[in-house]
PDB file of N, CA and C in Angstrom:
ATOM      1  N   MET A   1     107.328 117.388 128.624  1.00  0.00           N
ATOM      2  CA  MET A   1     106.775 118.069 127.481  1.00  0.00           C
ATOM      3  C   MET A   1     106.044 117.061 126.616  1.00  0.00           C
ATOM      4  N   GLU A   2     104.815 117.344 126.261  1.00  0.00           N
ATOM      5  CA  GLU A   2     103.976 116.411 125.533  1.00  0.00           C
ATOM      6  C   GLU A   2     104.074 116.693 124.037  1.00  0.00           C
ATOM      7  N   THR A   3     104.199 115.622 123.236  1.00  0.00           N
ATOM      8  CA  THR A   3     104.291 115.798 121.792  1.00  0.00           C
ATOM      9  C   THR A   3     102.909 115.735 121.178  1.00  0.00           C
ATOM     10  N   ALA A   4     102.833 116.116 119.905  1.00  0.00           N
ATOM     11  CA  ALA A   4     101.557 116.089 119.202  1.00  0.00           C
ATOM     12  C   ALA A   4     101.051 114.657 119.057  1.00  0.00           C
ATOM     13  N   ALA A   5     101.982 113.712 118.913  1.00  0.00           N
ATOM     14  CA  ALA A   5     101.587 112.320 118.733  1.00  0.00           C
ATOM     15  C   ALA A   5     100.906 111.768 119.976  1.00  0.00           C
ATOM     16  N   SER A   6     101.367 112.156 121.155  1.00  0.00           N
ATOM     17  CA  SER A   6     100.794 111.595 122.374  1.00  0.00           C
ATOM     18  C   SER A   6      99.533 112.342 122.805  1.00  0.00           C
ATOM     19  N   SER A   7      99.299 113.566 122.316  1.00  0.00           N
ATOM     20  CA  SER A   7      98.126 114.325 122.739  1.00  0.00           C
ATOM     21  C   SER A   7      96.885 113.960 121.939  1.00  0.00           C
ATOM     22  N   LEU A   8      97.050 113.350 120.777  1.00  0.00           N
ATOM     23  CA  LEU A   8      95.913 112.968 119.945  1.00  0.00           C
ATOM     24  C   LEU A   8      95.697 111.463 120.024  1.00  0.00           C
ATOM     25  N   PRO A   9      94.450 111.006 119.880  1.00  0.00           N
ATOM     26  CA  PRO A   9      94.239 109.564 119.772  1.00  0.00           C
ATOM     27  C   PRO A   9      94.972 109.033 118.535  1.00  0.00           C
ATOM     28  N   GLN A  10      95.363 107.774 118.571  1.00  0.00           N
ATOM     29  CA  GLN A  10      96.171 107.195 117.507  1.00  0.00           C
ATOM     30  C   GLN A  10      95.514 107.331 116.140  1.00  0.00           C
ATOM     31  N   ASP A  11      94.217 107.036 116.014  1.00  0.00           N
ATOM     32  CA  ASP A  11      93.538 107.112 114.734  1.00  0.00           C
ATOM     33  C   ASP A  11      93.531 108.535 114.198  1.00  0.00           C
ATOM     34  N   GLU A  12      93.273 109.503 115.059  1.00  0.00           N
ATOM     35  CA  GLU A  12      93.233 110.903 114.636  1.00  0.00           C
ATOM     36  C   GLU A  12      94.623 111.363 114.199  1.00  0.00           C
ATOM     37  N   PHE A  13      95.664 110.922 114.909  1.00  0.00           N
ATOM     38  CA  PHE A  13      97.036 111.275 114.537  1.00  0.00           C
ATOM     39  C   PHE A  13      97.385 110.683 113.174  1.00  0.00           C
ATOM     40  N   GLU A  14      96.978 109.432 112.925  1.00  0.00           N
ATOM     41  CA  GLU A  14      97.254 108.793 111.642  1.00  0.00           C
ATOM     42  C   GLU A  14      96.555 109.523 110.512  1.00  0.00           C
ATOM     43  N   VAL A  15      95.307 109.944 110.734  1.00  0.00           N
ATOM     44  CA  VAL A  15      94.559 110.663 109.710  1.00  0.00           C
ATOM     45  C   VAL A  15      95.240 111.993 109.415  1.00  0.00           C
ATOM     46  N   LYS A  16      95.659 112.707 110.439  1.00  0.00           N
ATOM     47  CA  LYS A  16      96.330 113.995 110.240  1.00  0.00           C
ATOM     48  C   LYS A  16      97.663 113.804 109.513  1.00  0.00           C
ATOM     49  N   THR A  17      98.379 112.748 109.844  1.00  0.00           N
ATOM     50  CA  THR A  17      99.650 112.473 109.179  1.00  0.00           C
ATOM     51  C   THR A  17      99.424 112.164 107.702  1.00  0.00           C
ATOM     52  N   GLU A  18      98.423 111.348 107.399  1.00  0.00           N
ATOM     53  CA  GLU A  18      98.115 111.025 106.006  1.00  0.00           C
ATOM     54  C   GLU A  18      97.708 112.273 105.237  1.00  0.00           C
ATOM     55  N   GLU A  19      96.898 113.131 105.852  1.00  0.00           N
ATOM     56  CA  GLU A  19      96.487 114.370 105.199  1.00  0.00           C
ATOM     57  C   GLU A  19      97.691 115.266 104.927  1.00  0.00           C
ATOM     58  N   GLN A  20      98.628 115.320 105.874  1.00  0.00           N
ATOM     59  CA  GLN A  20      99.822 116.138 105.696  1.00  0.00           C
ATOM     60  C   GLN A  20     100.678 115.600 104.549  1.00  0.00           C
ATOM     61  N   VAL A  21     100.828 114.286 104.472  1.00  0.00           N
ATOM     62  CA  VAL A  21     101.610 113.684 103.387  1.00  0.00           C
ATOM     63  C   VAL A  21     100.943 113.975 102.044  1.00  0.00           C
ATOM     64  N   GLU A  22      99.606 113.821 101.975  1.00  0.00           N
ATOM     65  CA  GLU A  22      98.883 114.109 100.736  1.00  0.00           C
ATOM     66  C   GLU A  22      99.057 115.574 100.331  1.00  0.00           C
ATOM     67  N   LYS A  23      99.021 116.477 101.301  1.00  0.00           N
ATOM     68  CA  LYS A  23      99.182 117.907 101.020  1.00  0.00           C
ATOM     69  C   LYS A  23     100.569 118.183 100.470  1.00  0.00           C
ATOM     70  N   LEU A  24     101.604 117.583 101.080  1.00  0.00           N
ATOM     71  CA  LEU A  24     102.978 117.796 100.621  1.00  0.00           C
ATOM     72  C   LEU A  24     103.187 117.245  99.210  1.00  0.00           C
ATOM     73  N   VAL A  25     102.613 116.092  98.928  1.00  0.00           N
ATOM     74  CA  VAL A  25     102.728 115.514  97.589  1.00  0.00           C
ATOM     75  C   VAL A  25     102.019 116.414  96.582  1.00  0.00           C
ATOM     76  N   GLY A  26     100.870 116.936  96.954  1.00  0.00           N
ATOM     77  CA  GLY A  26     100.152 117.867  96.077  1.00  0.00           C
ATOM     78  C   GLY A  26     100.966 119.125  95.814  1.00  0.00           C
ATOM     79  N   ASP A  27     101.631 119.641  96.839  1.00  0.00           N
ATOM     80  CA  ASP A  27     102.481 120.827  96.671  1.00  0.00           C
ATOM     81  C   ASP A  27     103.630 120.544  95.709  1.00  0.00           C
ATOM     82  N   ILE A  28     104.242 119.380  95.850  1.00  0.00           N
ATOM     83  CA  ILE A  28     105.339 119.010  94.947  1.00  0.00           C
ATOM     84  C   ILE A  28     104.825 118.903  93.516  1.00  0.00           C
ATOM     85  N   GLY A  29     103.663 118.273  93.340  1.00  0.00           N
ATOM     86  CA  GLY A  29     103.081 118.133  92.003  1.00  0.00           C
ATOM     87  C   GLY A  29     102.767 119.485  91.386  1.00  0.00           C
ATOM     88  N   ARG A  30     102.207 120.397  92.177  1.00  0.00           N
ATOM     89  CA  ARG A  30     101.901 121.734  91.659  1.00  0.00           C
ATOM     90  C   ARG A  30     103.172 122.474  91.277  1.00  0.00           C
ATOM     91  N   ALA A  31     104.215 122.357  92.089  1.00  0.00           N
ATOM     92  CA  ALA A  31     105.477 123.028  91.782  1.00  0.00           C
ATOM     93  C   ALA A  31     106.068 122.507  90.477  1.00  0.00           C
ATOM     94  N   ILE A  32     105.970 121.210  90.256  1.00  0.00           N
ATOM     95  CA  ILE A  32     106.501 120.629  89.011  1.00  0.00           C
ATOM     96  C   ILE A  32     105.651 121.074  87.825  1.00  0.00           C
ATOM     97  N   ARG A  33     104.320 121.068  87.972  1.00  0.00           N
ATOM     98  CA  ARG A  33     103.433 121.499  86.882  1.00  0.00           C
ATOM     99  C   ARG A  33     103.633 122.969  86.537  1.00  0.00           C
ATOM    100  N   ASN A  34     103.958 123.803  87.522  1.00  0.00           N
ATOM    101  CA  ASN A  34     104.134 125.232  87.289  1.00  0.00           C
ATOM    102  C   ASN A  34     105.509 125.566  86.717  1.00  0.00           C
ATOM    103  N   ALA A  35     106.416 124.613  86.697  1.00  0.00           N
ATOM    104  CA  ALA A  35     107.761 124.850  86.165  1.00  0.00           C
ATOM    105  C   ALA A  35     107.715 124.879  84.641  1.00  0.00           C
ATOM    106  N   GLU A  36     108.807 125.336  84.059  1.00  0.00           N
ATOM    107  CA  GLU A  36     108.924 125.363  82.600  1.00  0.00           C
ATOM    108  C   GLU A  36     108.853 123.940  82.066  1.00  0.00           C
ATOM    109  N   PRO A  37     108.223 123.735  80.911  1.00  0.00           N
ATOM    110  CA  PRO A  37     108.083 122.374  80.361  1.00  0.00           C
ATOM    111  C   PRO A  37     109.418 121.648  80.181  1.00  0.00           C
ATOM    112  N   GLY A  38     110.479 122.354  79.889  1.00  0.00           N
ATOM    113  CA  GLY A  38     111.780 121.709  79.687  1.00  0.00           C
ATOM    114  C   GLY A  38     112.408 121.220  80.978  1.00  0.00           C
ATOM    115  N   ARG A  39     112.009 121.783  82.098  1.00  0.00           N
ATOM    116  CA  ARG A  39     112.597 121.412  83.388  1.00  0.00           C
ATOM    117  C   ARG A  39     111.758 120.380  84.137  1.00  0.00           C
ATOM    118  N   ARG A  40     110.558 120.086  83.658  1.00  0.00           N
ATOM    119  CA  ARG A  40     109.651 119.196  84.401  1.00  0.00           C
ATOM    120  C   ARG A  40     110.222 117.800  84.596  1.00  0.00           C
ATOM    121  N   ALA A  41     110.817 117.244  83.538  1.00  0.00           N
ATOM    122  CA  ALA A  41     111.350 115.878  83.649  1.00  0.00           C
ATOM    123  C   ALA A  41     112.458 115.823  84.703  1.00  0.00           C
ATOM    124  N   GLY A  42     113.339 116.811  84.690  1.00  0.00           N
ATOM    125  CA  GLY A  42     114.419 116.844  85.671  1.00  0.00           C
ATOM    126  C   GLY A  42     113.891 117.027  87.086  1.00  0.00           C
ATOM    127  N   LEU A  43     112.864 117.874  87.234  1.00  0.00           N
ATOM    128  CA  LEU A  43     112.281 118.089  88.558  1.00  0.00           C
ATOM    129  C   LEU A  43     111.575 116.837  89.063  1.00  0.00           C
ATOM    130  N   LYS A  44     110.901 116.129  88.151  1.00  0.00           N
ATOM    131  CA  LYS A  44     110.244 114.875  88.555  1.00  0.00           C
ATOM    132  C   LYS A  44     111.277 113.877  89.064  1.00  0.00           C
ATOM    133  N   GLU A  45     112.373 113.751  88.329  1.00  0.00           N
ATOM    134  CA  GLU A  45     113.414 112.812  88.733  1.00  0.00           C
ATOM    135  C   GLU A  45     114.051 113.238  90.050  1.00  0.00           C
ATOM    136  N   LEU A  46     114.278 114.545  90.212  1.00  0.00           N
ATOM    137  CA  LEU A  46     114.849 115.055  91.453  1.00  0.00           C
ATOM    138  C   LEU A  46     113.928 114.770  92.630  1.00  0.00           C
ATOM    139  N   ALA A  47     112.625 115.046  92.459  1.00  0.00           N
ATOM    140  CA  ALA A  47     111.665 114.801  93.541  1.00  0.00           C
ATOM    141  C   ALA A  47     111.615 113.316  93.900  1.00  0.00           C
ATOM    142  N   GLU A  48     111.630 112.474  92.893  1.00  0.00           N
ATOM    143  CA  GLU A  48     111.577 111.027  93.137  1.00  0.00           C
ATOM    144  C   GLU A  48     112.831 110.561  93.877  1.00  0.00           C
ATOM    145  N   THR A  49     113.984 111.050  93.449  1.00  0.00           N
ATOM    146  CA  THR A  49     115.239 110.657  94.082  1.00  0.00           C
ATOM    147  C   THR A  49     115.302 111.132  95.533  1.00  0.00           C
ATOM    148  N   LEU A  50     114.939 112.391  95.761  1.00  0.00           N
ATOM    149  CA  LEU A  50     114.975 112.930  97.122  1.00  0.00           C
ATOM    150  C   LEU A  50     114.017 112.197  98.046  1.00  0.00           C
ATOM    151  N   LEU A  51     112.821 111.906  97.544  1.00  0.00           N
ATOM    152  CA  LEU A  51     111.840 111.192  98.353  1.00  0.00           C
ATOM    153  C   LEU A  51     112.329 109.782  98.659  1.00  0.00           C
ATOM    154  N   HIS A  52     112.892 109.119  97.656  1.00  0.00           N
ATOM    155  CA  HIS A  52     113.393 107.759  97.875  1.00  0.00           C
ATOM    156  C   HIS A  52     114.519 107.755  98.904  1.00  0.00           C
ATOM    157  N   GLU A  53     115.453 108.712  98.808  1.00  0.00           N
ATOM    158  CA  GLU A  53     116.554 108.768  99.767  1.00  0.00           C
ATOM    159  C   GLU A  53     116.049 109.063 101.177  1.00  0.00           C
ATOM    160  N   GLU A  54     115.072 109.953 101.283  1.00  0.00           N
ATOM    161  CA  GLU A  54     114.545 110.306 102.601  1.00  0.00           C
ATOM    162  C   GLU A  54     113.825 109.119 103.226  1.00  0.00           C
ATOM    163  N   ILE A  55     113.045 108.411 102.434  1.00  0.00           N
ATOM    164  CA  ILE A  55     112.294 107.270 102.959  1.00  0.00           C
ATOM    165  C   ILE A  55     113.234 106.115 103.289  1.00  0.00           C
ATOM    166  N   ALA A  56     114.287 105.955 102.494  1.00  0.00           N
ATOM    167  CA  ALA A  56     115.234 104.862 102.749  1.00  0.00           C
ATOM    168  C   ALA A  56     115.980 105.075 104.066  1.00  0.00           C
ATOM    169  N   SER A  57     116.107 106.311 104.510  1.00  0.00           N
ATOM    170  CA  SER A  57     116.831 106.569 105.751  1.00  0.00           C
ATOM    171  C   SER A  57     115.979 106.355 106.994  1.00  0.00           C
ATOM    172  N   ILE A  58     114.679 106.125 106.821  1.00  0.00           N
ATOM    173  CA  ILE A  58     113.785 105.898 107.958  1.00  0.00           C
ATOM    174  C   ILE A  58     113.860 104.424 108.341  1.00  0.00           C
ATOM    175  N   PRO A  59     114.271 104.109 109.571  1.00  0.00           N
ATOM    176  CA  PRO A  59     114.353 102.697 109.968  1.00  0.00           C
ATOM    177  C   PRO A  59     112.955 102.119 110.171  1.00  0.00           C
ATOM    178  N   GLU A  60     112.794 100.903 109.699  1.00  0.00           N
ATOM    179  CA  GLU A  60     111.519 100.222 109.883  1.00  0.00           C
ATOM    180  C   GLU A  60     111.519  99.545 111.248  1.00  0.00           C
ATOM    181  N   GLN A  61     110.341  99.505 111.859  1.00  0.00           N
ATOM    182  CA  GLN A  61     110.245  98.813 113.135  1.00  0.00           C
ATOM    183  C   GLN A  61     110.200  97.317 112.857  1.00  0.00           C
ATOM    184  N   PRO A  62     110.958  96.536 113.613  1.00  0.00           N
ATOM    185  CA  PRO A  62     110.978  95.094 113.363  1.00  0.00           C
ATOM    186  C   PRO A  62     109.616  94.460 113.637  1.00  0.00           C
ATOM    187  N   GLN A  63     109.205  93.636 112.733  1.00  0.00           N
ATOM    188  CA  GLN A  63     107.948  92.911 112.890  1.00  0.00           C
ATOM    189  C   GLN A  63     108.220  91.637 113.685  1.00  0.00           C
ATOM    190  N   ALA A  64     107.280  91.236 114.480  1.00  0.00           N
ATOM    191  CA  ALA A  64     107.438  90.010 115.272  1.00  0.00           C
ATOM    192  C   ALA A  64     107.557  88.797 114.353  1.00  0.00           C
ATOM    193  N   GLU A  65     106.789  88.801 113.254  1.00  0.00           N
ATOM    194  CA  GLU A  65     106.829  87.673 112.328  1.00  0.00           C
ATOM    195  C   GLU A  65     108.189  87.577 111.655  1.00  0.00           C
ATOM    196  N   THR A  66     108.776  88.705 111.266  1.00  0.00           N
ATOM    197  CA  THR A  66     110.072  88.700 110.614  1.00  0.00           C
ATOM    198  C   THR A  66     111.135  88.164 111.550  1.00  0.00           C
ATOM    199  N   ALA A  67     111.073  88.535 112.811  1.00  0.00           N
ATOM    200  CA  ALA A  67     112.054  88.054 113.785  1.00  0.00           C
ATOM    201  C   ALA A  67     111.935  86.541 113.952  1.00  0.00           C
ATOM    202  N   GLU A  68     110.720  86.020 113.937  1.00  0.00           N
ATOM    203  CA  GLU A  68     110.536  84.578 114.074  1.00  0.00           C
ATOM    204  C   GLU A  68     111.073  83.833 112.866  1.00  0.00           C
ATOM    205  N   VAL A  69     110.857  84.387 111.669  1.00  0.00           N
ATOM    206  CA  VAL A  69     111.311  83.719 110.455  1.00  0.00           C
ATOM    207  C   VAL A  69     112.831  83.647 110.429  1.00  0.00           C
ATOM    208  N   THR A  70     113.510  84.721 110.801  1.00  0.00           N
ATOM    209  CA  THR A  70     114.963  84.686 110.785  1.00  0.00           C
ATOM    210  C   THR A  70     115.519  83.784 111.881  1.00  0.00           C
ATOM    211  N   ALA A  71     114.821  83.656 113.006  1.00  0.00           N
ATOM    212  CA  ALA A  71     115.291  82.797 114.078  1.00  0.00           C
ATOM    213  C   ALA A  71     115.141  81.321 113.703  1.00  0.00           C
ATOM    214  N   VAL A  72     114.154  80.994 112.874  1.00  0.00           N
ATOM    215  CA  VAL A  72     113.887  79.614 112.506  1.00  0.00           C
ATOM    216  C   VAL A  72     114.708  79.188 111.289  1.00  0.00           C
ATOM    217  N   ARG A  73     115.406  80.125 110.680  1.00  0.00           N
ATOM    218  CA  ARG A  73     116.151  79.848 109.467  1.00  0.00           C
ATOM    219  C   ARG A  73     117.144  78.704 109.684  1.00  0.00           C
ATOM    220  N   LYS A  74     117.148  77.762 108.756  1.00  0.00           N
ATOM    221  CA  LYS A  74     118.034  76.615 108.842  1.00  0.00           C
ATOM    222  C   LYS A  74     119.114  76.727 107.784  1.00  0.00           C
ATOM    223  N   ARG A  75     120.175  75.973 107.980  1.00  0.00           N
ATOM    224  CA  ARG A  75     121.236  75.955 106.978  1.00  0.00           C
ATOM    225  C   ARG A  75     120.763  75.171 105.758  1.00  0.00           C
ATOM    226  N   ALA A  76     121.169  75.637 104.605  1.00  0.00           N
ATOM    227  CA  ALA A  76     120.772  74.987 103.359  1.00  0.00           C
ATOM    228  C   ALA A  76     121.624  73.746 103.125  1.00  0.00           C
ATOM    229  N   ASN A  77     121.015  72.743 102.555  1.00  0.00           N
ATOM    230  CA  ASN A  77     121.720  71.521 102.210  1.00  0.00           C
ATOM    231  C   ASN A  77     122.263  71.686 100.789  1.00  0.00           C
ATOM    232  N   PRO A  78     123.560  71.483 100.592  1.00  0.00           N
ATOM    233  CA  PRO A  78     124.150  71.687  99.265  1.00  0.00           C
ATOM    234  C   PRO A  78     123.914  70.531  98.295  1.00  0.00           C
ATOM    235  N   LEU A  79     123.095  69.574  98.666  1.00  0.00           N
ATOM    236  CA  LEU A  79     122.873  68.404  97.821  1.00  0.00           C
ATOM    237  C   LEU A  79     122.272  68.788  96.472  1.00  0.00           C
ATOM    238  N   ALA A  80     121.210  69.586  96.482  1.00  0.00           N
ATOM    239  CA  ALA A  80     120.536  69.948  95.228  1.00  0.00           C
ATOM    240  C   ALA A  80     121.454  70.777  94.332  1.00  0.00           C
ATOM    241  N   ALA A  81     122.169  71.729  94.922  1.00  0.00           N
ATOM    242  CA  ALA A  81     123.094  72.541  94.130  1.00  0.00           C
ATOM    243  C   ALA A  81     124.213  71.667  93.564  1.00  0.00           C
ATOM    244  N   GLY A  82     124.657  70.693  94.332  1.00  0.00           N
ATOM    245  CA  GLY A  82     125.709  69.799  93.875  1.00  0.00           C
ATOM    246  C   GLY A  82     125.273  68.948  92.691  1.00  0.00           C
ATOM    247  N   ILE A  83     124.052  68.438  92.761  1.00  0.00           N
ATOM    248  CA  ILE A  83     123.529  67.635  91.649  1.00  0.00           C
ATOM    249  C   ILE A  83     123.449  68.482  90.386  1.00  0.00           C
ATOM    250  N   LEU A  84     122.909  69.683  90.516  1.00  0.00           N
ATOM    251  CA  LEU A  84     122.778  70.569  89.362  1.00  0.00           C
ATOM    252  C   LEU A  84     124.150  70.938  88.800  1.00  0.00           C
ATOM    253  N   LEU A  85     125.088  71.271  89.658  1.00  0.00           N
ATOM    254  CA  LEU A  85     126.424  71.659  89.209  1.00  0.00           C
ATOM    255  C   LEU A  85     127.153  70.474  88.569  1.00  0.00           C
ATOM    256  N   ALA A  86     126.978  69.275  89.103  1.00  0.00           N
ATOM    257  CA  ALA A  86     127.621  68.092  88.525  1.00  0.00           C
ATOM    258  C   ALA A  86     127.067  67.806  87.134  1.00  0.00           C
ATOM    259  N   LEU A  87     125.755  67.870  86.984  1.00  0.00           N
ATOM    260  CA  LEU A  87     125.156  67.636  85.664  1.00  0.00           C
ATOM    261  C   LEU A  87     125.593  68.697  84.657  1.00  0.00           C
ATOM    262  N   LEU A  88     125.599  69.943  85.103  1.00  0.00           N
ATOM    263  CA  LEU A  88     126.045  71.028  84.231  1.00  0.00           C
ATOM    264  C   LEU A  88     127.509  70.840  83.853  1.00  0.00           C
ATOM    265  N   GLY A  89     128.321  70.444  84.820  1.00  0.00           N
ATOM    266  CA  GLY A  89     129.743  70.224  84.559  1.00  0.00           C
ATOM    267  C   GLY A  89     129.992  69.093  83.582  1.00  0.00           C
ATOM    268  N   PHE A  90     129.268  67.971  83.734  1.00  0.00           N
ATOM    269  CA  PHE A  90     129.457  66.858  82.804  1.00  0.00           C
ATOM    270  C   PHE A  90     129.006  67.234  81.401  1.00  0.00           C
ATOM    271  N   GLY A  91     127.937  67.997  81.295  1.00  0.00           N
ATOM    272  CA  GLY A  91     127.493  68.453  79.978  1.00  0.00           C
ATOM    273  C   GLY A  91     128.490  69.411  79.356  1.00  0.00           C
ATOM    274  N   LEU A  92     129.022  70.297  80.170  1.00  0.00           N
ATOM    275  CA  LEU A  92     129.988  71.272  79.677  1.00  0.00           C
ATOM    276  C   LEU A  92     131.330  70.611  79.371  1.00  0.00           C
ATOM    277  N   ALA A  93     131.603  69.466  79.981  1.00  0.00           N
ATOM    278  CA  ALA A  93     132.867  68.751  79.737  1.00  0.00           C
ATOM    279  C   ALA A  93     132.976  68.303  78.281  1.00  0.00           C
ATOM    280  N   LEU A  94     131.854  68.141  77.604  1.00  0.00           N
ATOM    281  CA  LEU A  94     131.884  67.756  76.190  1.00  0.00           C
ATOM    282  C   LEU A  94     132.391  68.898  75.316  1.00  0.00           C
ATOM    283  N   ILE A  95     132.147  70.131  75.753  1.00  0.00           N
ATOM    284  CA  ILE A  95     132.544  71.291  74.949  1.00  0.00           C
ATOM    285  C   ILE A  95     133.886  71.854  75.431  1.00  0.00           C
ATOM    286  N   VAL A  96     133.997  72.095  76.731  1.00  0.00           N
ATOM    287  CA  VAL A  96     135.219  72.644  77.328  1.00  0.00           C
ATOM    288  C   VAL A  96     135.619  71.683  78.447  1.00  0.00           C
ATOM    289  N   PRO A  97     136.449  70.703  78.146  1.00  0.00           N
ATOM    290  CA  PRO A  97     136.727  69.633  79.107  1.00  0.00           C
ATOM    291  C   PRO A  97     137.253  70.094  80.473  1.00  0.00           C
ATOM    292  N   PHE A  98     138.234  70.982  80.510  1.00  0.00           N
ATOM    293  CA  PHE A  98     138.826  71.360  81.793  1.00  0.00           C
ATOM    294  C   PHE A  98     137.814  72.050  82.695  1.00  0.00           C
ATOM    295  N   ILE A  99     137.105  73.019  82.163  1.00  0.00           N
ATOM    296  CA  ILE A  99     136.114  73.759  82.961  1.00  0.00           C
ATOM    297  C   ILE A  99     134.953  72.842  83.351  1.00  0.00           C
ATOM    298  N   GLY A 100     134.490  72.036  82.415  1.00  0.00           N
ATOM    299  CA  GLY A 100     133.389  71.126  82.694  1.00  0.00           C
ATOM    300  C   GLY A 100     133.718  70.124  83.775  1.00  0.00           C
ATOM    301  N   LEU A 101     134.899  69.518  83.690  1.00  0.00           N
ATOM    302  CA  LEU A 101     135.286  68.536  84.691  1.00  0.00           C
ATOM    303  C   LEU A 101     135.526  69.186  86.059  1.00  0.00           C
ATOM    304  N   THR A 102     136.026  70.419  86.045  1.00  0.00           N
ATOM    305  CA  THR A 102     136.203  71.137  87.310  1.00  0.00           C
ATOM    306  C   THR A 102     134.855  71.393  87.970  1.00  0.00           C
ATOM    307  N   LEU A 103     133.885  71.869  87.187  1.00  0.00           N
ATOM    308  CA  LEU A 103     132.542  72.100  87.733  1.00  0.00           C
ATOM    309  C   LEU A 103     131.912  70.796  88.210  1.00  0.00           C
ATOM    310  N   ALA A 104     132.111  69.720  87.449  1.00  0.00           N
ATOM    311  CA  ALA A 104     131.565  68.422  87.844  1.00  0.00           C
ATOM    312  C   ALA A 104     132.194  67.951  89.153  1.00  0.00           C
ATOM    313  N   ALA A 105     133.500  68.171  89.303  1.00  0.00           N
ATOM    314  CA  ALA A 105     134.172  67.761  90.540  1.00  0.00           C
ATOM    315  C   ALA A 105     133.650  68.554  91.734  1.00  0.00           C
ATOM    316  N   ILE A 106     133.462  69.860  91.542  1.00  0.00           N
ATOM    317  CA  ILE A 106     132.897  70.683  92.619  1.00  0.00           C
ATOM    318  C   ILE A 106     131.483  70.214  92.946  1.00  0.00           C
ATOM    319  N   GLY A 107     130.714  69.889  91.908  1.00  0.00           N
ATOM    320  CA  GLY A 107     129.359  69.380  92.117  1.00  0.00           C
ATOM    321  C   GLY A 107     129.350  68.069  92.880  1.00  0.00           C
ATOM    322  N   LEU A 108     130.265  67.185  92.557  1.00  0.00           N
ATOM    323  CA  LEU A 108     130.330  65.905  93.263  1.00  0.00           C
ATOM    324  C   LEU A 108     130.721  66.093  94.725  1.00  0.00           C
ATOM    325  N   VAL A 109     131.618  67.031  94.995  1.00  0.00           N
ATOM    326  CA  VAL A 109     131.974  67.330  96.388  1.00  0.00           C
ATOM    327  C   VAL A 109     130.742  67.830  97.135  1.00  0.00           C
ATOM    328  N   LEU A 110     129.970  68.717  96.498  1.00  0.00           N
ATOM    329  CA  LEU A 110     128.746  69.225  97.132  1.00  0.00           C
ATOM    330  C   LEU A 110     127.718  68.115  97.348  1.00  0.00           C
ATOM    331  N   VAL A 111     127.626  67.182  96.396  1.00  0.00           N
ATOM    332  CA  VAL A 111     126.685  66.059  96.544  1.00  0.00           C
ATOM    333  C   VAL A 111     127.083  65.205  97.747  1.00  0.00           C
ATOM    334  N   VAL A 112     128.381  64.896  97.867  1.00  0.00           N
ATOM    335  CA  VAL A 112     128.843  64.085  98.998  1.00  0.00           C
ATOM    336  C   VAL A 112     128.597  64.833 100.304  1.00  0.00           C
ATOM    337  N   TRP A 113     128.910  66.122 100.309  1.00  0.00           N
ATOM    338  CA  TRP A 113     128.694  66.932 101.507  1.00  0.00           C
ATOM    339  C   TRP A 113     127.228  66.970 101.885  1.00  0.00           C
ATOM    340  N   GLY A 114     126.342  67.157 100.910  1.00  0.00           N
ATOM    341  CA  GLY A 114     124.904  67.150 101.189  1.00  0.00           C
ATOM    342  C   GLY A 114     124.404  65.804 101.663  1.00  0.00           C
ATOM    343  N   ALA A 115     124.956  64.731 101.095  1.00  0.00           N
ATOM    344  CA  ALA A 115     124.554  63.395 101.524  1.00  0.00           C
ATOM    345  C   ALA A 115     124.971  63.143 102.970  1.00  0.00           C
ATOM    346  N   VAL A 116     126.153  63.611 103.347  1.00  0.00           N
ATOM    347  CA  VAL A 116     126.630  63.446 104.717  1.00  0.00           C
ATOM    348  C   VAL A 116     125.725  64.231 105.683  1.00  0.00           C
ATOM    349  N   ILE A 117     125.389  65.458 105.308  1.00  0.00           N
ATOM    350  CA  ILE A 117     124.501  66.265 106.144  1.00  0.00           C
ATOM    351  C   ILE A 117     123.152  65.589 106.297  1.00  0.00           C
ATOM    352  N   SER A 118     122.615  65.055 105.196  1.00  0.00           N
ATOM    353  CA  SER A 118     121.315  64.376 105.265  1.00  0.00           C
ATOM    354  C   SER A 118     121.371  63.122 106.126  1.00  0.00           C
ATOM    355  N   ALA A 119     122.479  62.392 106.025  1.00  0.00           N
ATOM    356  CA  ALA A 119     122.618  61.181 106.819  1.00  0.00           C
ATOM    357  C   ALA A 119     122.741  61.490 108.314  1.00  0.00           C
ATOM    358  N   ILE A 120     123.416  62.582 108.633  1.00  0.00           N
ATOM    359  CA  ILE A 120     123.569  62.958 110.043  1.00  0.00           C
ATOM    360  C   ILE A 120     122.236  63.392 110.637  1.00  0.00           C
ATOM    361  N   LYS A 121     121.414  64.088 109.856  1.00  0.00           N
ATOM    362  CA  LYS A 121     120.131  64.595 110.365  1.00  0.00           C
ATOM    363  C   LYS A 121     119.140  63.459 110.627  1.00  0.00           C
ATOM    364  N   THR A 122     119.238  62.374 109.878  1.00  0.00           N
ATOM    365  CA  THR A 122     118.255  61.295 110.037  1.00  0.00           C
ATOM    366  C   THR A 122     118.702  60.243 111.011  1.00  0.00           C
TER     367      THR A 122
END
């Protein structure tokens, strides 16, 4: 059994699909405009919510570029976060010593861990 998508050339099918979407959006707009003025805001929100939920349920086809980017993803080095956390901790130690020193200690652990990772890579 042949579907409508396979019986039409791709460009013609896309044009018909776009026209159908435009027609449906126009119908929704007319229905909202024809409603009582007090109900229009609620109908607009309802239409927006329903459309968003319907579109969110449509799975996107994976892009080749996206697959390559996720495959090339590397582990992050905690060195920069450690430096920032250590500096923040030492500054905060002047105001709240226990919390500041704890954050500084965590930052120093991250700095050492990042330094070890960097040394192993080189």
